[in-house]
Amino acid sequence: MAPKYTRPDAPVPAQWPSGAAYKETKSVASAPAAMELPWREFFTDERLQKIVGITLDNNRDLRVAALNVERARALYGIQRAELLPAVNAFGGGVRTLEPADVSTTGYAMTASQYSVNLGITSWEIDFFGRIRSLKDKALEEYLSTDQARRSAQISLVSAAAQAYLTLAADGEALKLVTSTLETQETSYKLIRKRYDVGLSSELDLMQAQSQVDTARGDVVRYTQLVALDENALNLLVGSPLSQELLPSDLSSVNPPQEISPGLSSELLLRRPDVLAAEHQLKASNANIGAARAAFFPNISLTTSIGTTSAELSGLFKAGQGTWNFAPQIIMPIFDARTWFAYDVTKLEKEISVAQYEKAIQTAFREVADALAVRGTVNQQIAAQQSLVDAVAETYRLSQARYVKGIDSYLSVLDAQRSLYAAQQGLIVLRLARLVNTVTLYKVLGGGE
């Protein structure tokens, strides 16, 4: 009764986007595909490998996802068992007092009856596939839940890696601001000496003091961020991590392996979240079969075999055997609820189709975004590194000119601020490149 399933056409282009932002997205042919690369091979940093492994063992969200799979499997087993008859043994006894005016003998009497039977009660014979359709629906829901678990695992692996990299970036920023504070304090002491002998103005002294205070505030802020990053990573992992596993800065992190996005967007159909949506669509399709079968006769069977006696002691004597065979057929004539239920199943399928197509569109957008970042981030880093070098030289020259009395301290101050901002921007871009590699691995379906 279930309609033949046909996979809807993917509502996205067959190829990845192209343009100025994607010029550098083509990887060498030897780069593996994300789905073919286990996470232990993708992450080359040994500490990160250990952290991801601990996360998969301890994370409570992933544990719930795995238990949901087991629950869906049990529900599928229950629905599949509906195809088989349930055989039960049942016994009973009845004692009845009959008044004289209703007794066949004209006298009051007490009647007894005891029985022991083995039989089947109301077993539906699935001639029209209603139970089989419900079984198929339960199977697809179980498979969808299993794909949801895979998707949760991939997201968890990515989240743990991103938290690890964020901690490394904030640790490097903390080192930068600490070094900047030391430099600012050295400059302040120098200007203080010049001020004491009348070579610098009070304005220069106050400007130097403001830079020291700003740097102190940044040290406190990044110290706080590092602590928050550690807390976030510990929550993902599910247990406190030893300091030996935590990164000190981005330079100490080995970058993940390069991966290839492939040439066709068809691989998105293998992403766990897309497969989960497709299994839900198949479940809705099977549910239509169950709704259609409700328009046809329902045939059930009740039968038993056993022994009956007026005395409890005579239950198992010869000649006390009994049996019954009671087939039943119910033919629906008019029930408006059946038609509405059928309409509901068709609408649910249309909803599932839309959700499936939306899942594919979302996956395509996520990959396209990651490829756009991948195609441009190296150019951004190169430009930012050039800026850091140029501003560092500007700061050096400004400092020299100030010491010789050629320029005011304002030039030094501007150069310091520009260099500090450029160095922070470079850390952000280096983090973005690493995080984007992890994100691309995730959105291409890697992470198992």
Protein backbone atom coordinates (compact mmCIF):
# COMPACT_ATOMS: atom_id res chain seq x y z
CA MET A 1 0.00 0.00 0.00
CA ALA A 2 2.95 2.37 0.52
CA PRO A 3 3.75 4.45 -2.59
CA LYS A 4 7.06 3.73 -4.31
CA TYR A 5 9.76 5.93 -2.84
CA THR A 6 11.61 8.27 -5.19
CA ARG A 7 14.37 10.51 -3.89
CA PRO A 8 13.60 14.18 -4.63
CA ASP A 9 16.03 16.07 -6.83
CA ALA A 10 18.60 18.07 -4.91
CA PRO A 11 17.61 21.78 -5.01
CA VAL A 12 21.25 22.96 -5.27
CA PRO A 13 23.79 23.32 -8.11
CA ALA A 14 25.69 20.20 -9.10
CA GLN A 15 29.04 22.00 -8.73
CA TRP A 16 30.54 24.08 -5.95
CA PRO A 17 30.47 27.87 -6.37
CA SER A 18 33.16 29.57 -8.43
CA GLY A 19 34.45 33.12 -8.50
CA ALA A 20 37.10 35.38 -7.03
CA ALA A 21 36.54 34.09 -3.49
CA TYR A 22 36.98 30.45 -4.53
CA LYS A 23 40.15 30.61 -6.67
CA GLU A 24 42.30 28.88 -4.08
CA THR A 25 39.79 26.22 -3.00
CA LYS A 26 40.99 23.52 -5.39
CA SER A 27 43.19 21.09 -3.49
CA VAL A 28 45.79 18.81 -4.94
CA ALA A 29 44.45 15.54 -6.29
CA SER A 30 46.18 13.58 -3.56
CA ALA A 31 44.20 15.29 -0.76
CA PRO A 32 41.64 12.86 0.70
CA ALA A 33 37.91 13.50 0.92
CA ALA A 34 36.55 14.42 4.35
CA MET A 35 34.23 11.40 4.61
CA GLU A 36 37.12 9.05 3.86
CA LEU A 37 39.41 10.55 6.51
CA PRO A 38 38.93 9.45 10.16
CA TRP A 39 39.29 12.22 12.68
CA ARG A 40 42.42 10.60 14.17
CA GLU A 41 44.14 11.06 10.81
CA PHE A 42 42.68 14.50 10.14
CA PHE A 43 43.96 15.98 13.40
CA THR A 44 47.73 15.73 13.43
CA ASP A 45 48.18 17.37 16.85
CA GLU A 46 48.63 14.59 19.43
CA ARG A 47 47.17 16.56 22.32
CA LEU A 48 44.08 17.40 20.28
CA GLN A 49 43.69 13.73 19.33
CA LYS A 50 43.66 12.77 23.00
CA ILE A 51 41.17 15.50 23.87
CA VAL A 52 38.78 14.48 21.08
CA GLY A 53 39.01 10.84 22.17
CA ILE A 54 38.21 11.73 25.78
CA THR A 55 35.33 13.91 24.58
CA LEU A 56 33.73 11.08 22.61
CA ASP A 57 33.99 8.82 25.66
CA ASN A 58 32.65 11.26 28.27
CA ASN A 59 30.37 13.82 26.61
CA ARG A 60 26.82 13.56 27.97
CA ASP A 61 25.08 14.93 24.87
CA LEU A 62 26.65 12.22 22.72
CA ARG A 63 25.70 9.65 25.34
CA VAL A 64 22.06 10.78 25.13
CA ALA A 65 22.20 10.56 21.33
CA ALA A 66 23.50 6.98 21.55
CA LEU A 67 20.76 6.04 24.03
CA ASN A 68 18.16 7.53 21.68
CA VAL A 69 19.42 5.17 18.99
CA GLU A 70 18.97 2.19 21.31
CA ARG A 71 15.51 3.43 22.21
CA ALA A 72 14.53 3.74 18.52
CA ARG A 73 15.89 0.25 17.89
CA ALA A 74 13.72 -1.14 20.70
CA LEU A 75 10.65 0.65 19.32
CA TYR A 76 11.35 -0.87 15.92
CA GLY A 77 11.54 -4.30 17.55
CA ILE A 78 8.15 -3.74 19.19
CA GLN A 79 6.55 -2.73 15.89
CA ARG A 80 8.13 -5.65 14.02
CA ALA A 81 6.79 -8.06 16.66
CA GLU A 82 3.25 -6.97 15.75
CA LEU A 83 3.52 -9.22 12.67
CA LEU A 84 3.74 -12.30 14.90
CA PRO A 85 0.96 -13.70 17.05
CA ALA A 86 1.23 -13.37 20.81
CA VAL A 87 0.70 -16.75 22.48
CA ASN A 88 -0.49 -16.66 26.06
CA ALA A 89 -1.41 -19.19 28.72
CA PHE A 90 -4.35 -18.20 30.87
CA GLY A 91 -6.40 -19.93 33.50
CA GLY A 92 -9.42 -19.00 35.53
CA GLY A 93 -12.22 -20.18 37.69
CA VAL A 94 -15.84 -19.08 38.19
CA ARG A 95 -18.31 -19.96 40.96
CA THR A 96 -21.87 -18.72 40.46
CA LEU A 97 -24.91 -18.84 42.77
CA GLU A 98 -28.21 -19.18 40.86
CA PRO A 99 -31.45 -18.38 42.75
CA ALA A 100 -34.29 -20.90 42.55
CA ASP A 101 -36.47 -18.70 40.31
CA VAL A 102 -33.88 -18.60 37.54
CA SER A 103 -32.37 -22.04 38.02
CA THR A 104 -33.24 -24.68 35.42
CA THR A 105 -33.85 -27.16 38.25
CA GLY A 106 -36.13 -24.90 40.29
CA TYR A 107 -33.76 -25.03 43.20
CA ALA A 108 -31.01 -22.66 44.24
CA MET A 109 -27.67 -24.04 43.14
CA THR A 110 -23.98 -23.14 42.98
CA ALA A 111 -22.20 -23.76 39.66
CA SER A 112 -18.42 -23.95 39.25
CA GLN A 113 -16.21 -23.88 36.17
CA TYR A 114 -12.40 -23.98 35.93
CA SER A 115 -10.28 -23.74 32.80
CA VAL A 116 -6.69 -23.66 31.60
CA ASN A 117 -6.03 -22.57 28.00
CA LEU A 118 -3.19 -21.79 25.62
CA GLY A 119 -4.04 -19.53 22.72
CA ILE A 120 -3.85 -16.41 20.57
CA THR A 121 -5.92 -13.33 21.28
CA SER A 122 -6.92 -10.88 18.53
CA TRP A 123 -3.99 -11.48 16.18
CA GLU A 124 -4.34 -9.19 13.18
CA ILE A 125 -3.51 -11.00 9.95
CA ASP A 126 -1.73 -8.37 7.85
CA PHE A 127 -3.31 -9.04 4.46
CA PHE A 128 -3.13 -5.40 3.34
CA GLY A 129 0.23 -4.43 4.78
CA ARG A 130 -0.83 -2.02 7.53
CA ILE A 131 1.49 -3.53 10.13
CA ARG A 132 4.31 -3.96 7.61
CA SER A 133 4.04 -0.29 6.69
CA LEU A 134 4.21 0.69 10.36
CA LYS A 135 7.21 -1.62 10.74
CA ASP A 136 8.95 0.10 7.82
CA LYS A 137 8.17 3.48 9.35
CA ALA A 138 9.70 2.43 12.67
CA LEU A 139 12.78 1.12 10.85
CA GLU A 140 13.30 4.41 9.00
CA GLU A 141 12.86 6.36 12.23
CA TYR A 142 15.48 4.15 13.86
CA LEU A 143 17.88 4.72 10.96
CA SER A 144 17.19 8.45 11.13
CA THR A 145 18.04 8.46 14.83
CA ASP A 146 21.28 6.61 14.12
CA GLN A 147 22.23 9.23 11.51
CA ALA A 148 21.37 11.94 14.02
CA ARG A 149 23.83 10.31 16.42
CA ARG A 150 26.51 10.37 13.71
CA SER A 151 25.76 14.03 13.06
CA ALA A 152 26.00 14.77 16.79
CA GLN A 153 29.37 13.02 16.93
CA ILE A 154 30.72 15.01 13.98
CA SER A 155 29.51 18.27 15.54
CA LEU A 156 31.07 17.30 18.86
CA VAL A 157 34.44 16.51 17.29
CA SER A 158 34.37 19.88 15.52
CA ALA A 159 33.28 21.74 18.66
CA ALA A 160 36.07 20.19 20.73
CA ALA A 161 38.68 21.09 18.10
CA GLN A 162 37.39 24.65 17.80
CA ALA A 163 37.39 25.10 21.57
CA TYR A 164 40.98 23.79 21.68
CA LEU A 165 42.08 26.20 18.94
CA THR A 166 40.28 29.14 20.56
CA LEU A 167 42.08 28.42 23.80
CA ALA A 168 45.39 28.36 21.91
CA ALA A 169 44.61 31.67 20.20
CA ASP A 170 43.62 33.39 23.45
CA GLY A 171 46.73 31.97 25.09
CA GLU A 172 48.85 33.52 22.34
CA ALA A 173 46.99 36.81 22.70
CA LEU A 174 47.68 36.70 26.45
CA LYS A 175 51.39 36.29 25.72
CA LEU A 176 51.18 39.25 23.33
CA VAL A 177 49.48 41.58 25.80
CA THR A 178 51.85 40.48 28.57
CA SER A 179 54.83 41.29 26.34
CA THR A 180 53.18 44.57 25.35
CA LEU A 181 52.70 45.47 29.01
CA GLU A 182 56.40 44.87 29.69
CA THR A 183 57.32 47.08 26.74
CA GLN A 184 54.92 49.80 27.85
CA GLU A 185 56.28 49.71 31.38
CA THR A 186 59.86 50.01 30.04
CA SER A 187 58.83 52.99 27.89
CA TYR A 188 57.06 54.58 30.84
CA LYS A 189 60.19 54.28 33.03
CA LEU A 190 62.30 55.84 30.27
CA ILE A 191 59.90 58.74 29.82
CA ARG A 192 59.70 59.17 33.58
CA LYS A 193 63.46 59.64 33.73
CA ARG A 194 63.34 62.09 30.83
CA TYR A 195 60.53 63.96 32.54
CA ASP A 196 62.49 64.17 35.79
CA VAL A 197 65.38 65.89 33.99
CA GLY A 198 63.11 68.09 31.90
CA LEU A 199 63.54 66.35 28.53
CA SER A 200 59.90 65.15 28.29
CA SER A 201 56.65 66.91 28.99
CA GLU A 202 53.99 65.87 31.47
CA LEU A 203 51.73 65.11 28.49
CA ASP A 204 54.21 62.48 27.27
CA LEU A 205 54.31 60.99 30.75
CA MET A 206 50.51 60.78 31.02
CA GLN A 207 50.21 59.26 27.54
CA ALA A 208 52.75 56.60 28.48
CA GLN A 209 50.84 55.95 31.70
CA SER A 210 47.60 55.49 29.74
CA GLN A 211 49.27 52.86 27.53
CA VAL A 212 50.48 50.97 30.60
CA ASP A 213 46.99 50.99 32.13
CA THR A 214 45.42 49.84 28.87
CA ALA A 215 47.86 46.96 28.61
CA ARG A 216 47.19 45.96 32.23
CA GLY A 217 43.47 45.84 31.51
CA ASP A 218 44.08 43.68 28.41
CA VAL A 219 46.20 41.25 30.43
CA VAL A 220 43.36 40.81 32.92
CA ARG A 221 40.80 40.45 30.10
CA TYR A 222 42.75 37.76 28.25
CA THR A 223 43.52 35.96 31.50
CA GLN A 224 39.77 35.77 32.01
CA LEU A 225 39.18 34.59 28.42
CA VAL A 226 41.72 31.79 28.80
CA ALA A 227 39.98 30.62 31.98
CA LEU A 228 36.59 30.71 30.24
CA ASP A 229 38.00 28.79 27.28
CA GLU A 230 39.32 26.09 29.61
CA ASN A 231 35.91 25.83 31.30
CA ALA A 232 34.17 25.49 27.92
CA LEU A 233 36.61 22.78 26.82
CA ASN A 234 36.19 20.89 30.11
CA LEU A 235 32.41 20.94 29.64
CA LEU A 236 32.70 19.49 26.14
CA VAL A 237 35.17 16.86 27.28
CA GLY A 238 33.05 15.93 30.27
CA SER A 239 35.93 15.94 32.77
CA PRO A 240 38.73 18.31 33.82
CA LEU A 241 41.79 18.20 31.56
CA SER A 242 45.37 18.17 32.77
CA GLN A 243 47.48 21.20 31.91
CA GLU A 244 49.79 19.00 29.82
CA LEU A 245 47.01 18.58 27.25
CA LEU A 246 46.22 22.28 26.94
CA PRO A 247 47.90 24.40 24.24
CA SER A 248 49.96 27.44 25.15
CA ASP A 249 49.58 29.26 21.83
CA LEU A 250 48.75 28.72 18.16
CA SER A 251 52.38 28.15 17.25
CA SER A 252 52.40 24.98 19.37
CA VAL A 253 49.43 23.46 17.50
CA ASN A 254 50.04 21.20 14.51
CA PRO A 255 47.57 22.20 11.75
CA PRO A 256 45.00 19.62 10.58
CA GLN A 257 45.52 17.72 7.36
CA GLU A 258 44.37 19.29 4.09
CA ILE A 259 41.20 17.82 2.58
CA SER A 260 39.55 18.02 -0.82
CA PRO A 261 35.92 19.14 -1.25
CA GLY A 262 35.66 17.16 -4.49
CA LEU A 263 34.15 18.42 -7.71
CA SER A 264 30.47 17.60 -7.23
CA SER A 265 28.03 18.68 -4.53
CA GLU A 266 26.38 15.25 -4.74
CA LEU A 267 28.47 14.08 -1.79
CA LEU A 268 26.19 16.23 0.42
CA LEU A 269 23.57 13.48 0.07
CA ARG A 270 25.85 11.32 2.25
CA ARG A 271 26.02 13.82 5.11
CA PRO A 272 24.48 12.33 8.28
CA ASP A 273 22.00 15.16 8.81
CA VAL A 274 20.83 14.90 5.18
CA LEU A 275 20.55 11.11 5.48
CA ALA A 276 18.56 11.56 8.71
CA ALA A 277 16.13 13.88 6.89
CA GLU A 278 15.82 11.35 4.05
CA HIS A 279 15.03 8.52 6.45
CA GLN A 280 12.31 10.70 7.98
CA LEU A 281 10.94 11.20 4.47
CA LYS A 282 10.92 7.45 3.90
CA ALA A 283 9.14 6.99 7.24
CA SER A 284 6.43 9.44 6.14
CA ASN A 285 6.16 7.55 2.85
CA ALA A 286 5.65 4.25 4.70
CA ASN A 287 3.05 5.85 6.94
CA ILE A 288 0.93 6.56 3.86
CA GLY A 289 0.80 2.80 3.28
CA ALA A 290 -0.58 2.25 6.79
CA ALA A 291 -3.22 4.95 6.22
CA ARG A 292 -4.27 3.38 2.92
CA ALA A 293 -4.57 -0.07 4.49
CA ALA A 294 -7.11 1.34 6.96
CA PHE A 295 -9.65 1.53 4.11
CA PHE A 296 -9.56 -2.26 3.68
CA PRO A 297 -10.96 -5.03 5.88
CA ASN A 298 -9.27 -5.84 9.15
CA ILE A 299 -8.97 -9.57 9.73
CA SER A 300 -8.10 -10.88 13.18
CA LEU A 301 -8.01 -14.29 14.80
CA THR A 302 -8.63 -15.49 18.33
CA THR A 303 -8.08 -19.16 19.07
CA SER A 304 -7.22 -21.31 22.05
CA ILE A 305 -6.92 -24.89 23.19
CA GLY A 306 -7.13 -26.15 26.75
CA THR A 307 -9.17 -27.98 29.34
CA THR A 308 -12.35 -27.13 31.26
CA SER A 309 -13.97 -28.80 34.26
CA ALA A 310 -16.58 -28.15 36.89
CA GLU A 311 -14.11 -29.32 39.50
CA LEU A 312 -10.63 -28.00 39.98
CA SER A 313 -9.31 -31.53 40.51
CA GLY A 314 -10.77 -32.67 37.19
CA LEU A 315 -9.07 -30.13 34.96
CA PHE A 316 -6.53 -32.51 33.49
CA LYS A 317 -8.62 -35.70 33.33
CA ALA A 318 -9.34 -37.39 30.00
CA GLY A 319 -12.25 -35.97 28.05
CA GLN A 320 -12.03 -32.42 29.48
CA GLY A 321 -10.31 -30.91 26.43
CA THR A 322 -11.78 -27.84 24.78
CA TRP A 323 -10.89 -25.47 21.94
CA ASN A 324 -12.25 -22.44 20.15
CA PHE A 325 -11.55 -20.80 16.81
CA ALA A 326 -12.95 -17.29 16.30
CA PRO A 327 -11.86 -15.40 13.18
CA GLN A 328 -13.22 -11.88 12.76
CA ILE A 329 -13.39 -9.48 9.85
CA ILE A 330 -14.24 -5.82 10.16
CA MET A 331 -15.15 -4.01 6.95
CA PRO A 332 -15.04 -0.21 7.20
CA ILE A 333 -18.16 1.38 5.68
CA PHE A 334 -17.98 4.99 6.76
CA ASP A 335 -15.48 6.58 9.10
CA ALA A 336 -14.55 10.18 8.29
CA ARG A 337 -11.51 9.96 10.56
CA THR A 338 -9.89 7.49 8.16
CA TRP A 339 -10.00 9.97 5.28
CA PHE A 340 -8.62 12.78 7.40
CA ALA A 341 -5.87 10.50 8.70
CA TYR A 342 -4.93 9.66 5.11
CA ASP A 343 -4.78 13.38 4.26
CA VAL A 344 -2.56 13.97 7.27
CA THR A 345 -0.05 11.33 6.14
CA LYS A 346 0.18 12.89 2.67
CA LEU A 347 0.74 16.34 4.17
CA GLU A 348 3.37 14.93 6.52
CA LYS A 349 5.21 13.55 3.51
CA GLU A 350 5.16 16.96 1.80
CA ILE A 351 6.54 18.49 5.00
CA SER A 352 9.29 15.85 5.09
CA VAL A 353 10.18 16.59 1.46
CA ALA A 354 10.53 20.29 2.26
CA GLN A 355 12.66 19.50 5.34
CA TYR A 356 14.87 17.17 3.29
CA GLU A 357 15.39 19.81 0.61
CA LYS A 358 16.09 22.43 3.28
CA ALA A 359 18.73 20.15 4.83
CA ILE A 360 20.49 19.88 1.46
CA GLN A 361 20.33 23.64 0.88
CA THR A 362 21.72 24.32 4.35
CA ALA A 363 24.54 21.83 3.79
CA PHE A 364 25.41 23.44 0.45
CA ARG A 365 25.48 26.91 1.99
CA GLU A 366 27.73 25.71 4.86
CA VAL A 367 30.23 24.16 2.44
CA ALA A 368 30.13 27.21 0.16
CA ASP A 369 30.83 29.52 3.12
CA ALA A 370 33.74 27.37 4.27
CA LEU A 371 35.18 27.29 0.74
CA ALA A 372 34.87 31.07 0.46
CA VAL A 373 36.87 31.52 3.66
CA ARG A 374 39.40 28.93 2.55
CA GLY A 375 39.88 30.74 -0.76
CA THR A 376 40.61 34.10 0.84
CA VAL A 377 42.04 33.61 4.31
CA ASN A 378 45.62 32.98 3.15
CA GLN A 379 45.61 36.26 1.25
CA GLN A 380 44.28 38.02 4.34
CA ILE A 381 47.02 36.53 6.49
CA ALA A 382 49.71 37.53 3.98
CA ALA A 383 48.40 41.09 3.90
CA GLN A 384 48.12 41.23 7.69
CA GLN A 385 51.67 39.88 8.14
CA SER A 386 52.96 42.56 5.78
CA LEU A 387 51.06 45.15 7.79
CA VAL A 388 52.57 43.89 11.06
CA ASP A 389 56.07 44.11 9.58
CA ALA A 390 55.49 47.61 8.25
CA VAL A 391 53.96 48.92 11.47
CA ALA A 392 56.74 47.30 13.54
CA GLU A 393 59.32 49.20 11.48
CA THR A 394 57.26 52.37 11.83
CA TYR A 395 57.24 51.92 15.59
CA ARG A 396 61.00 51.37 15.66
CA LEU A 397 61.66 54.51 13.64
CA SER A 398 59.20 56.58 15.67
CA GLN A 399 60.84 55.46 18.89
CA ALA A 400 64.29 56.38 17.57
CA ARG A 401 63.13 59.80 16.38
CA TYR A 402 61.48 60.50 19.73
CA VAL A 403 64.62 59.58 21.67
CA LYS A 404 66.61 61.98 19.48
CA GLY A 405 64.03 64.70 20.02
CA ILE A 406 62.95 64.90 16.36
CA ASP A 407 59.30 63.81 16.85
CA SER A 408 56.80 64.03 19.70
CA TYR A 409 55.71 61.04 21.74
CA LEU A 410 52.37 61.14 19.95
CA SER A 411 53.99 59.50 16.89
CA VAL A 412 55.33 56.71 19.09
CA LEU A 413 51.94 56.31 20.69
CA ASP A 414 50.15 55.98 17.35
CA ALA A 415 52.72 53.45 16.12
CA GLN A 416 52.36 51.40 19.31
CA ARG A 417 48.57 51.25 18.97
CA SER A 418 48.76 50.33 15.30
CA LEU A 419 51.29 47.57 15.94
CA TYR A 420 49.29 46.16 18.84
CA ALA A 421 46.08 46.09 16.78
CA ALA A 422 47.87 44.55 13.78
CA GLN A 423 49.40 41.79 15.90
CA GLN A 424 46.02 40.98 17.43
CA GLY A 425 44.45 40.93 13.97
CA LEU A 426 47.08 38.47 12.78
CA ILE A 427 46.27 36.09 15.65
CA VAL A 428 42.57 36.29 14.79
CA LEU A 429 43.24 35.45 11.13
CA ARG A 430 45.54 32.54 11.98
CA LEU A 431 42.80 31.16 14.24
CA ALA A 432 40.22 31.69 11.47
CA ARG A 433 42.31 29.62 9.04
CA LEU A 434 42.60 26.69 11.44
CA VAL A 435 38.96 26.85 12.52
CA ASN A 436 37.86 27.02 8.88
CA THR A 437 39.78 23.82 8.09
CA VAL A 438 37.96 22.07 10.93
CA THR A 439 34.64 23.55 9.81
CA LEU A 440 35.18 22.40 6.22
CA TYR A 441 35.95 18.90 7.49
CA LYS A 442 32.72 18.96 9.49
CA VAL A 443 30.39 20.32 6.79
CA LEU A 444 31.77 17.84 4.23
CA GLY A 445 30.66 15.00 6.52
CA GLY A 446 33.95 14.06 8.17
CA GLY A 447 34.43 13.37 11.85
CA GLU A 448 33.90 9.66 12.51
